[in-house]
Amino acid sequence: MIAAVESKSDRSPYDGVGIESVTLSIIISTYNAREILADCLQSIYENPPSLVYEIIVVDDASTDDTSGMVRERFPSVRLLRNEVNRHYASSNNRAIDHACGQYLYLLNNDTIMLPHALDQMVEFLREHPDVGAVGSMLLNGDGTIQWSVKSLPGLGAALFGARSLFTRMFPNNRFSRKHLLHLKRNLTEPFIAGYVSSASVMMPRKVVADVGELDRRLSYHVDADYCKRIADAGYSTYYLPAAKVIHLDHKGGTMVDSRRRFRSLVEFHGGSYIYYRKHIQRSPWSAMQVVVIVGLFSRFVVSTAAQIISELVGSRSHSRIDRTGGAAVVSTEGQRCDVDRGHSCSTSPQPSQSSITE
């Protein structure tokens, strides 16, 4: 249990005593992203909520000594380790089963917590009992707004959503604005969303109990699927622009090597079909089945070809660096932005608590 302290940054997660009083469970699934995770955890310690909270990290069979880092640097974090890689949804489901909080907060490992975000999200849910989930605003490392609040997937989203070529070429067109909801909203007030990114989403425990666990078949569409199920259960999903979290997109392990990158393409397109069959067209005899399958397969082929070209170009670039004996040092604007916002990238041990490994 957390005693009152003078400095907010000294407030650590609970130490296993008085679990019935835990208000917020912060859940982070991670795979081979040791230092990225360390920065994420450090940012939570520097910008903690004012209420009793716990952090649960699920190490999804990492091979980079993620578990050792957590035990050494963040001993008050509850650590769960998968012996085999179970992927995002299964790992989060395991953490939810162990969580003690009245509110459950799913957070990506490649995020940086900013001041007051956690308190603002909890307070919003307390004031709006009809809300089933609330997502924070996600910022890129350079401070620009990520496209993280959208309409639920459908044919229109496929043509004019965040991943479409048309939207990338003409991001402010009137069709895309119907699906990328932040483009047409006043970003000083919360508003109802189709779905919000699972990189930073908070839900009351009672809603999770009503809706059930995350769909273990899904990776990229797990947030859209869950928000749809929340809506089907009679709750709303909201986007809270006042709560801000930096999201270093795809730095957290999903794109760690070429094998994972190609697997991500399979997961995205396979998940798109699962979502379609689950929520849009459940009949296997619809003519749209053929259209959707052909469309998804065509998109998969084009995306795979583009990824192969990207991998070859990247491989040649690395070869040129190796031949010249040079060392590439990348300093991104996003990283500088993190420091400017009060986050220190150095990771120091926190006040000693009893380590919990389950």
Protein backbone atom coordinates (compact mmCIF):
# COMPACT_ATOMS: atom_id res chain seq x y z
CA MET A 1 0.00 0.00 0.00
CA ILE A 2 1.29 3.48 -0.79
CA ALA A 3 1.79 5.91 2.03
CA ALA A 4 1.53 9.66 1.59
CA VAL A 5 4.79 11.15 0.37
CA GLU A 6 6.05 14.64 -0.32
CA SER A 7 7.36 14.02 -3.82
CA LYS A 8 5.00 12.61 -6.46
CA SER A 9 7.91 10.98 -8.30
CA ASP A 10 8.68 8.92 -5.17
CA ARG A 11 5.29 7.20 -5.31
CA SER A 12 5.93 3.54 -6.20
CA PRO A 13 3.44 0.76 -7.00
CA TYR A 14 1.93 -1.08 -4.07
CA ASP A 15 4.08 -3.68 -2.32
CA GLY A 16 1.53 -6.48 -2.08
CA VAL A 17 -0.13 -5.31 1.14
CA GLY A 18 -3.78 -4.32 1.13
CA ILE A 19 -4.52 -5.43 -2.42
CA GLU A 20 -8.21 -4.71 -1.92
CA SER A 21 -7.37 -1.00 -1.96
CA VAL A 22 -5.63 -0.98 -5.37
CA THR A 23 -7.43 1.45 -7.67
CA LEU A 24 -5.44 1.13 -10.89
CA SER A 25 -3.67 -1.81 -12.51
CA ILE A 26 -1.23 -0.78 -15.25
CA ILE A 27 -0.68 -3.75 -17.60
CA ILE A 28 2.25 -3.94 -20.02
CA SER A 29 2.95 -6.86 -22.33
CA THR A 30 6.48 -6.89 -23.72
CA TYR A 31 8.69 -8.89 -26.06
CA ASN A 32 12.41 -8.26 -26.62
CA ALA A 33 12.24 -4.54 -25.87
CA ARG A 34 14.32 -4.33 -22.71
CA GLU A 35 15.49 -0.71 -22.80
CA ILE A 36 12.28 0.60 -24.36
CA LEU A 37 10.36 -1.01 -21.50
CA ALA A 38 12.79 0.46 -18.96
CA ASP A 39 12.08 3.95 -20.29
CA CYS A 40 8.34 3.29 -20.14
CA LEU A 41 8.46 2.09 -16.53
CA GLN A 42 10.73 4.96 -15.52
CA SER A 43 8.26 7.45 -16.98
CA ILE A 44 5.44 5.95 -14.91
CA TYR A 45 7.55 6.26 -11.76
CA GLU A 46 8.23 9.89 -12.65
CA ASN A 47 4.57 10.63 -13.46
CA PRO A 48 2.57 8.27 -11.25
CA PRO A 49 -1.12 8.54 -10.42
CA SER A 50 -2.13 10.05 -7.09
CA LEU A 51 -4.02 6.88 -6.14
CA VAL A 52 -2.95 3.38 -5.15
CA TYR A 53 -1.74 1.50 -8.20
CA GLU A 54 0.17 -1.54 -9.36
CA ILE A 55 2.21 -2.31 -12.47
CA ILE A 56 2.07 -5.76 -14.03
CA VAL A 57 4.61 -6.61 -16.73
CA VAL A 58 4.16 -9.75 -18.81
CA ASP A 59 7.45 -10.82 -20.37
CA ASP A 60 6.32 -12.75 -23.44
CA ALA A 61 9.31 -15.14 -23.57
CA SER A 62 11.85 -12.43 -24.36
CA THR A 63 15.46 -13.44 -25.00
CA ASP A 64 17.07 -10.10 -24.07
CA ASP A 65 16.91 -10.51 -20.26
CA THR A 66 13.86 -8.30 -19.94
CA SER A 67 12.84 -10.12 -16.76
CA GLY A 68 16.25 -9.60 -15.21
CA MET A 69 16.08 -5.88 -15.95
CA VAL A 70 12.65 -5.56 -14.35
CA ARG A 71 13.72 -7.45 -11.22
CA GLU A 72 16.86 -5.36 -10.83
CA ARG A 73 15.64 -1.87 -11.68
CA PHE A 74 11.94 -2.02 -10.81
CA PRO A 75 11.55 -4.54 -7.96
CA SER A 76 8.04 -3.34 -7.02
CA VAL A 77 6.66 -4.29 -10.45
CA ARG A 78 4.67 -7.53 -10.55
CA LEU A 79 6.43 -9.66 -13.14
CA LEU A 80 4.80 -12.50 -15.05
CA ARG A 81 6.90 -14.48 -17.52
CA ASN A 82 5.58 -16.65 -20.33
CA GLU A 83 7.71 -19.69 -21.04
CA VAL A 84 6.63 -19.55 -24.70
CA ASN A 85 5.61 -16.56 -26.80
CA ARG A 86 1.84 -16.20 -26.38
CA HIS A 87 1.46 -12.87 -28.21
CA TYR A 88 -0.30 -9.68 -27.22
CA ALA A 89 -3.87 -10.69 -26.41
CA SER A 90 -3.03 -13.83 -24.43
CA SER A 91 -0.36 -12.00 -22.44
CA ASN A 92 -2.74 -9.20 -21.53
CA ASN A 93 -5.47 -11.68 -20.62
CA ARG A 94 -3.06 -13.35 -18.22
CA ALA A 95 -2.24 -10.02 -16.58
CA ILE A 96 -5.93 -9.10 -16.32
CA ASP A 97 -6.52 -12.37 -14.44
CA HIS A 98 -3.83 -11.34 -11.92
CA ALA A 99 -4.79 -7.66 -11.66
CA CYS A 100 -6.21 -6.24 -8.42
CA GLY A 101 -7.30 -2.76 -9.57
CA GLN A 102 -10.79 -1.34 -9.94
CA TYR A 103 -9.58 0.06 -13.28
CA LEU A 104 -7.44 -1.80 -15.80
CA TYR A 105 -5.06 0.15 -18.03
CA LEU A 106 -3.48 -1.50 -21.08
CA LEU A 107 -0.27 0.26 -22.03
CA ASN A 108 2.24 -0.49 -24.78
CA ASN A 109 5.85 -0.88 -23.77
CA ASP A 110 6.98 1.75 -26.31
CA THR A 111 5.24 4.61 -24.53
CA ILE A 112 6.30 7.48 -22.30
CA MET A 113 3.87 8.54 -19.60
CA LEU A 114 3.28 12.29 -19.36
CA PRO A 115 2.17 14.21 -16.25
CA HIS A 116 -1.41 13.78 -14.96
CA ALA A 117 -2.51 11.41 -17.74
CA LEU A 118 -3.30 8.50 -15.44
CA ASP A 119 -5.25 10.60 -12.93
CA GLN A 120 -7.24 12.25 -15.73
CA MET A 121 -8.30 8.92 -17.22
CA VAL A 122 -9.34 7.42 -13.88
CA GLU A 123 -11.26 10.58 -12.97
CA PHE A 124 -13.08 10.56 -16.32
CA LEU A 125 -14.22 6.96 -15.81
CA ARG A 126 -15.35 7.72 -12.27
CA GLU A 127 -17.44 10.66 -13.47
CA HIS A 128 -18.97 8.72 -16.40
CA PRO A 129 -20.17 5.27 -15.28
CA ASP A 130 -21.72 4.62 -18.71
CA VAL A 131 -18.27 4.72 -20.35
CA GLY A 132 -16.68 1.35 -21.00
CA ALA A 133 -13.25 2.49 -22.16
CA VAL A 134 -11.27 5.70 -22.46
CA GLY A 135 -8.18 6.23 -24.59
CA SER A 136 -5.60 8.94 -24.15
CA MET A 137 -4.26 11.17 -26.89
CA LEU A 138 -1.15 9.55 -28.34
CA LEU A 139 1.71 11.75 -29.48
CA ASN A 140 4.58 10.93 -31.79
CA GLY A 141 8.06 11.62 -30.51
CA ASP A 142 8.05 15.01 -32.25
CA GLY A 143 4.85 16.05 -30.47
CA THR A 144 2.51 15.56 -33.43
CA ILE A 145 -0.79 13.73 -32.88
CA GLN A 146 -1.02 10.07 -33.83
CA TRP A 147 -4.05 8.75 -35.69
CA SER A 148 -5.23 6.68 -32.74
CA VAL A 149 -8.98 7.42 -32.57
CA LYS A 150 -11.09 6.09 -35.42
CA SER A 151 -14.45 4.84 -36.58
CA LEU A 152 -14.97 1.11 -36.33
CA PRO A 153 -13.52 -0.86 -39.28
CA GLY A 154 -15.66 -1.32 -42.38
CA LEU A 155 -15.45 -0.91 -46.14
CA GLY A 156 -15.16 2.87 -45.83
CA ALA A 157 -12.32 2.56 -43.31
CA ALA A 158 -10.53 0.16 -45.65
CA LEU A 159 -10.63 2.75 -48.45
CA PHE A 160 -10.08 5.90 -46.40
CA GLY A 161 -8.62 4.73 -43.08
CA ALA A 162 -5.18 5.43 -41.63
CA ARG A 163 -3.45 2.67 -43.63
CA SER A 164 -4.96 3.50 -47.02
CA LEU A 165 -2.81 4.96 -49.79
CA PHE A 166 -5.43 7.62 -50.48
CA THR A 167 -5.29 8.88 -46.89
CA ARG A 168 -1.50 8.92 -46.86
CA MET A 169 -1.47 11.03 -50.01
CA PHE A 170 -4.39 13.30 -49.01
CA PRO A 171 -4.66 13.05 -45.19
CA ASN A 172 -7.15 15.88 -44.75
CA ASN A 173 -9.72 14.82 -47.36
CA ARG A 174 -13.38 14.80 -46.30
CA PHE A 175 -13.73 11.00 -46.62
CA SER A 176 -10.78 10.21 -44.36
CA ARG A 177 -12.00 12.77 -41.84
CA LYS A 178 -15.05 10.57 -41.26
CA HIS A 179 -12.80 7.72 -40.12
CA LEU A 180 -9.85 9.52 -38.50
CA LEU A 181 -11.94 11.21 -35.87
CA HIS A 182 -9.34 13.58 -34.45
CA LEU A 183 -9.23 15.45 -37.79
CA LYS A 184 -12.72 16.87 -37.41
CA ARG A 185 -13.00 17.33 -33.65
CA ASN A 186 -12.29 19.98 -31.07
CA LEU A 187 -9.33 18.41 -29.30
CA THR A 188 -9.95 20.27 -26.06
CA GLU A 189 -12.97 18.13 -25.11
CA PRO A 190 -13.52 14.36 -24.80
CA PHE A 191 -15.70 12.73 -27.47
CA ILE A 192 -17.21 9.36 -28.35
CA ALA A 193 -15.02 7.17 -30.54
CA GLY A 194 -15.57 4.09 -32.65
CA TYR A 195 -12.41 2.70 -31.13
CA VAL A 196 -9.21 3.91 -29.52
CA SER A 197 -5.74 2.43 -29.68
CA SER A 198 -4.90 -0.30 -27.20
CA ALA A 199 -1.50 1.35 -26.81
CA SER A 200 -3.16 3.41 -24.06
CA VAL A 201 -6.68 2.43 -23.01
CA MET A 202 -8.31 2.24 -19.58
CA MET A 203 -11.42 0.27 -18.64
CA PRO A 204 -13.40 -0.32 -15.45
CA ARG A 205 -13.03 -3.86 -14.14
CA LYS A 206 -16.80 -4.38 -14.23
CA VAL A 207 -16.85 -3.66 -17.97
CA VAL A 208 -14.07 -6.16 -18.62
CA ALA A 209 -16.02 -8.70 -16.58
CA ASP A 210 -19.10 -8.04 -18.75
CA VAL A 211 -17.30 -8.07 -22.11
CA GLY A 212 -14.83 -10.89 -21.48
CA GLU A 213 -11.20 -11.41 -22.42
CA LEU A 214 -9.33 -10.09 -25.45
CA ASP A 215 -9.69 -12.19 -28.60
CA ARG A 216 -6.54 -14.33 -28.62
CA ARG A 217 -6.63 -14.65 -32.42
CA LEU A 218 -6.09 -10.94 -32.96
CA SER A 219 -3.10 -8.63 -32.78
CA TYR A 220 -3.63 -5.53 -34.90
CA HIS A 221 -7.43 -5.47 -34.57
CA VAL A 222 -7.69 -6.40 -30.92
CA ASP A 223 -8.53 -2.80 -29.93
CA ALA A 224 -11.24 -2.38 -32.60
CA ASP A 225 -12.71 -5.75 -31.70
CA TYR A 226 -12.82 -4.98 -28.00
CA CYS A 227 -14.33 -1.53 -28.44
CA LYS A 228 -16.99 -3.03 -30.71
CA ARG A 229 -17.80 -5.59 -28.04
CA ILE A 230 -17.92 -2.82 -25.43
CA ALA A 231 -20.46 -0.99 -27.61
CA ASP A 232 -22.47 -4.19 -28.07
CA ALA A 233 -22.58 -4.51 -24.26
CA GLY A 234 -24.17 -1.06 -23.99
CA TYR A 235 -21.17 1.07 -23.07
CA SER A 236 -19.43 3.93 -24.87
CA THR A 237 -15.78 4.38 -25.80
CA TYR A 238 -14.31 7.85 -25.36
CA TYR A 239 -11.19 9.68 -26.47
CA LEU A 240 -9.71 11.99 -23.83
CA PRO A 241 -7.40 14.57 -25.46
CA ALA A 242 -6.40 16.10 -22.11
CA ALA A 243 -4.60 12.88 -21.16
CA LYS A 244 -1.45 12.63 -23.25
CA VAL A 245 1.01 9.77 -23.71
CA ILE A 246 3.97 9.61 -26.10
CA HIS A 247 3.88 6.51 -28.29
CA LEU A 248 7.10 5.54 -30.09
CA ASP A 249 5.11 3.49 -32.60
CA HIS A 250 6.53 0.07 -33.55
CA LYS A 251 9.57 0.42 -31.27
CA GLY A 252 8.26 -2.11 -28.78
CA GLY A 253 9.14 -5.45 -30.39
CA THR A 254 6.60 -5.96 -33.18
CA MET A 255 9.12 -4.78 -35.76
CA VAL A 256 12.27 -5.99 -34.02
CA ASP A 257 13.51 -8.14 -36.94
CA SER A 258 12.54 -9.10 -40.49
CA ARG A 259 10.77 -12.27 -39.37
CA ARG A 260 8.52 -10.29 -37.01
CA ARG A 261 7.86 -7.66 -39.66
CA PHE A 262 6.65 -10.22 -42.20
CA ARG A 263 4.64 -11.99 -39.53
CA SER A 264 3.00 -8.66 -38.73
CA LEU A 265 1.74 -8.46 -42.31
CA VAL A 266 0.11 -11.87 -41.97
CA GLU A 267 -1.40 -10.94 -38.61
CA PHE A 268 -2.82 -7.67 -39.93
CA HIS A 269 -4.53 -9.12 -42.98
CA GLY A 270 -5.67 -12.29 -41.21
CA GLY A 271 -7.03 -10.18 -38.37
CA SER A 272 -8.89 -7.99 -40.84
CA TYR A 273 -10.76 -11.04 -42.14
CA ILE A 274 -11.49 -12.32 -38.63
CA TYR A 275 -12.93 -8.93 -37.67
CA TYR A 276 -15.02 -8.83 -40.85
CA ARG A 277 -16.51 -12.28 -40.24
CA LYS A 278 -17.04 -11.59 -36.54
CA HIS A 279 -18.67 -8.17 -36.68
CA ILE A 280 -19.66 -7.23 -40.23
CA GLN A 281 -20.67 -10.23 -42.31
CA ARG A 282 -21.22 -13.41 -40.34
CA SER A 283 -22.83 -15.38 -43.15
CA PRO A 284 -20.34 -17.43 -45.20
CA TRP A 285 -22.67 -17.28 -48.21
CA SER A 286 -22.56 -13.53 -48.84
CA ALA A 287 -21.17 -12.38 -52.19
CA MET A 288 -19.08 -9.85 -50.28
CA GLN A 289 -17.03 -12.75 -48.91
CA VAL A 290 -15.34 -13.13 -52.29
CA VAL A 291 -14.77 -9.39 -52.64
CA VAL A 292 -13.25 -9.11 -49.17
CA ILE A 293 -11.01 -12.17 -49.56
CA VAL A 294 -9.73 -11.05 -52.97
CA GLY A 295 -9.22 -7.50 -51.71
CA LEU A 296 -7.33 -8.57 -48.61
CA PHE A 297 -5.20 -11.06 -50.52
CA SER A 298 -4.31 -8.45 -53.15
CA ARG A 299 -3.38 -5.98 -50.46
CA PHE A 300 -1.30 -8.62 -48.69
CA VAL A 301 0.64 -9.39 -51.89
CA VAL A 302 1.36 -5.69 -52.54
CA SER A 303 2.34 -5.10 -48.90
CA THR A 304 4.64 -8.13 -48.89
CA ALA A 305 6.35 -7.00 -52.09
CA ALA A 306 6.86 -3.53 -50.63
CA GLN A 307 8.27 -5.05 -47.44
CA ILE A 308 10.72 -7.22 -49.40
CA ILE A 309 11.99 -4.16 -51.26
CA SER A 310 12.29 -2.28 -47.98
CA GLU A 311 14.24 -5.13 -46.38
CA LEU A 312 16.63 -5.35 -49.36
CA VAL A 313 17.24 -1.60 -49.37
CA GLY A 314 17.81 -1.62 -45.63
CA SER A 315 20.19 -4.57 -45.87
CA ARG A 316 22.28 -2.83 -48.53
CA SER A 317 22.42 0.34 -46.46
CA HIS A 318 23.75 -1.60 -43.47
CA SER A 319 26.30 -3.33 -45.69
CA ARG A 320 27.62 0.04 -46.92
CA ILE A 321 27.98 1.24 -43.32
CA ASP A 322 29.85 -1.95 -42.37
CA ARG A 323 32.24 -1.69 -45.34
CA THR A 324 33.17 1.89 -44.50
CA GLY A 325 33.75 1.02 -40.88
CA GLY A 326 31.35 3.74 -39.84
CA ALA A 327 28.86 3.73 -37.00
CA ALA A 328 25.41 5.08 -37.54
CA VAL A 329 24.15 7.10 -34.60
CA VAL A 330 20.51 8.02 -34.91
CA SER A 331 19.12 10.86 -32.84
CA THR A 332 15.47 11.37 -33.54
CA GLU A 333 13.40 14.40 -32.83
CA GLY A 334 11.07 12.12 -30.92
CA GLN A 335 13.75 11.20 -28.42
CA ARG A 336 14.65 14.86 -27.88
CA CYS A 337 10.96 15.60 -27.41
CA ASP A 338 10.74 12.98 -24.67
CA VAL A 339 13.51 14.66 -22.72
CA ASP A 340 12.00 18.12 -23.29
CA ARG A 341 8.74 16.86 -21.76
CA GLY A 342 10.44 15.99 -18.53
CA HIS A 343 11.31 12.33 -19.10
CA SER A 344 14.82 11.22 -18.29
CA CYS A 345 16.04 8.37 -20.46
CA SER A 346 18.41 7.16 -17.78
CA THR A 347 17.01 4.36 -15.69
CA SER A 348 17.78 4.30 -11.99
CA PRO A 349 16.66 1.82 -9.36
CA GLN A 350 13.45 2.66 -7.54
CA PRO A 351 12.85 2.49 -3.79
CA SER A 352 13.24 -1.13 -2.76
CA GLN A 353 10.01 -3.08 -2.61
CA SER A 354 9.30 -6.79 -2.44
CA SER A 355 9.73 -8.25 -5.93
CA ILE A 356 6.77 -10.34 -7.08
CA THR A 357 7.45 -12.90 -9.80
CA GLU A 358 4.53 -15.12 -10.70
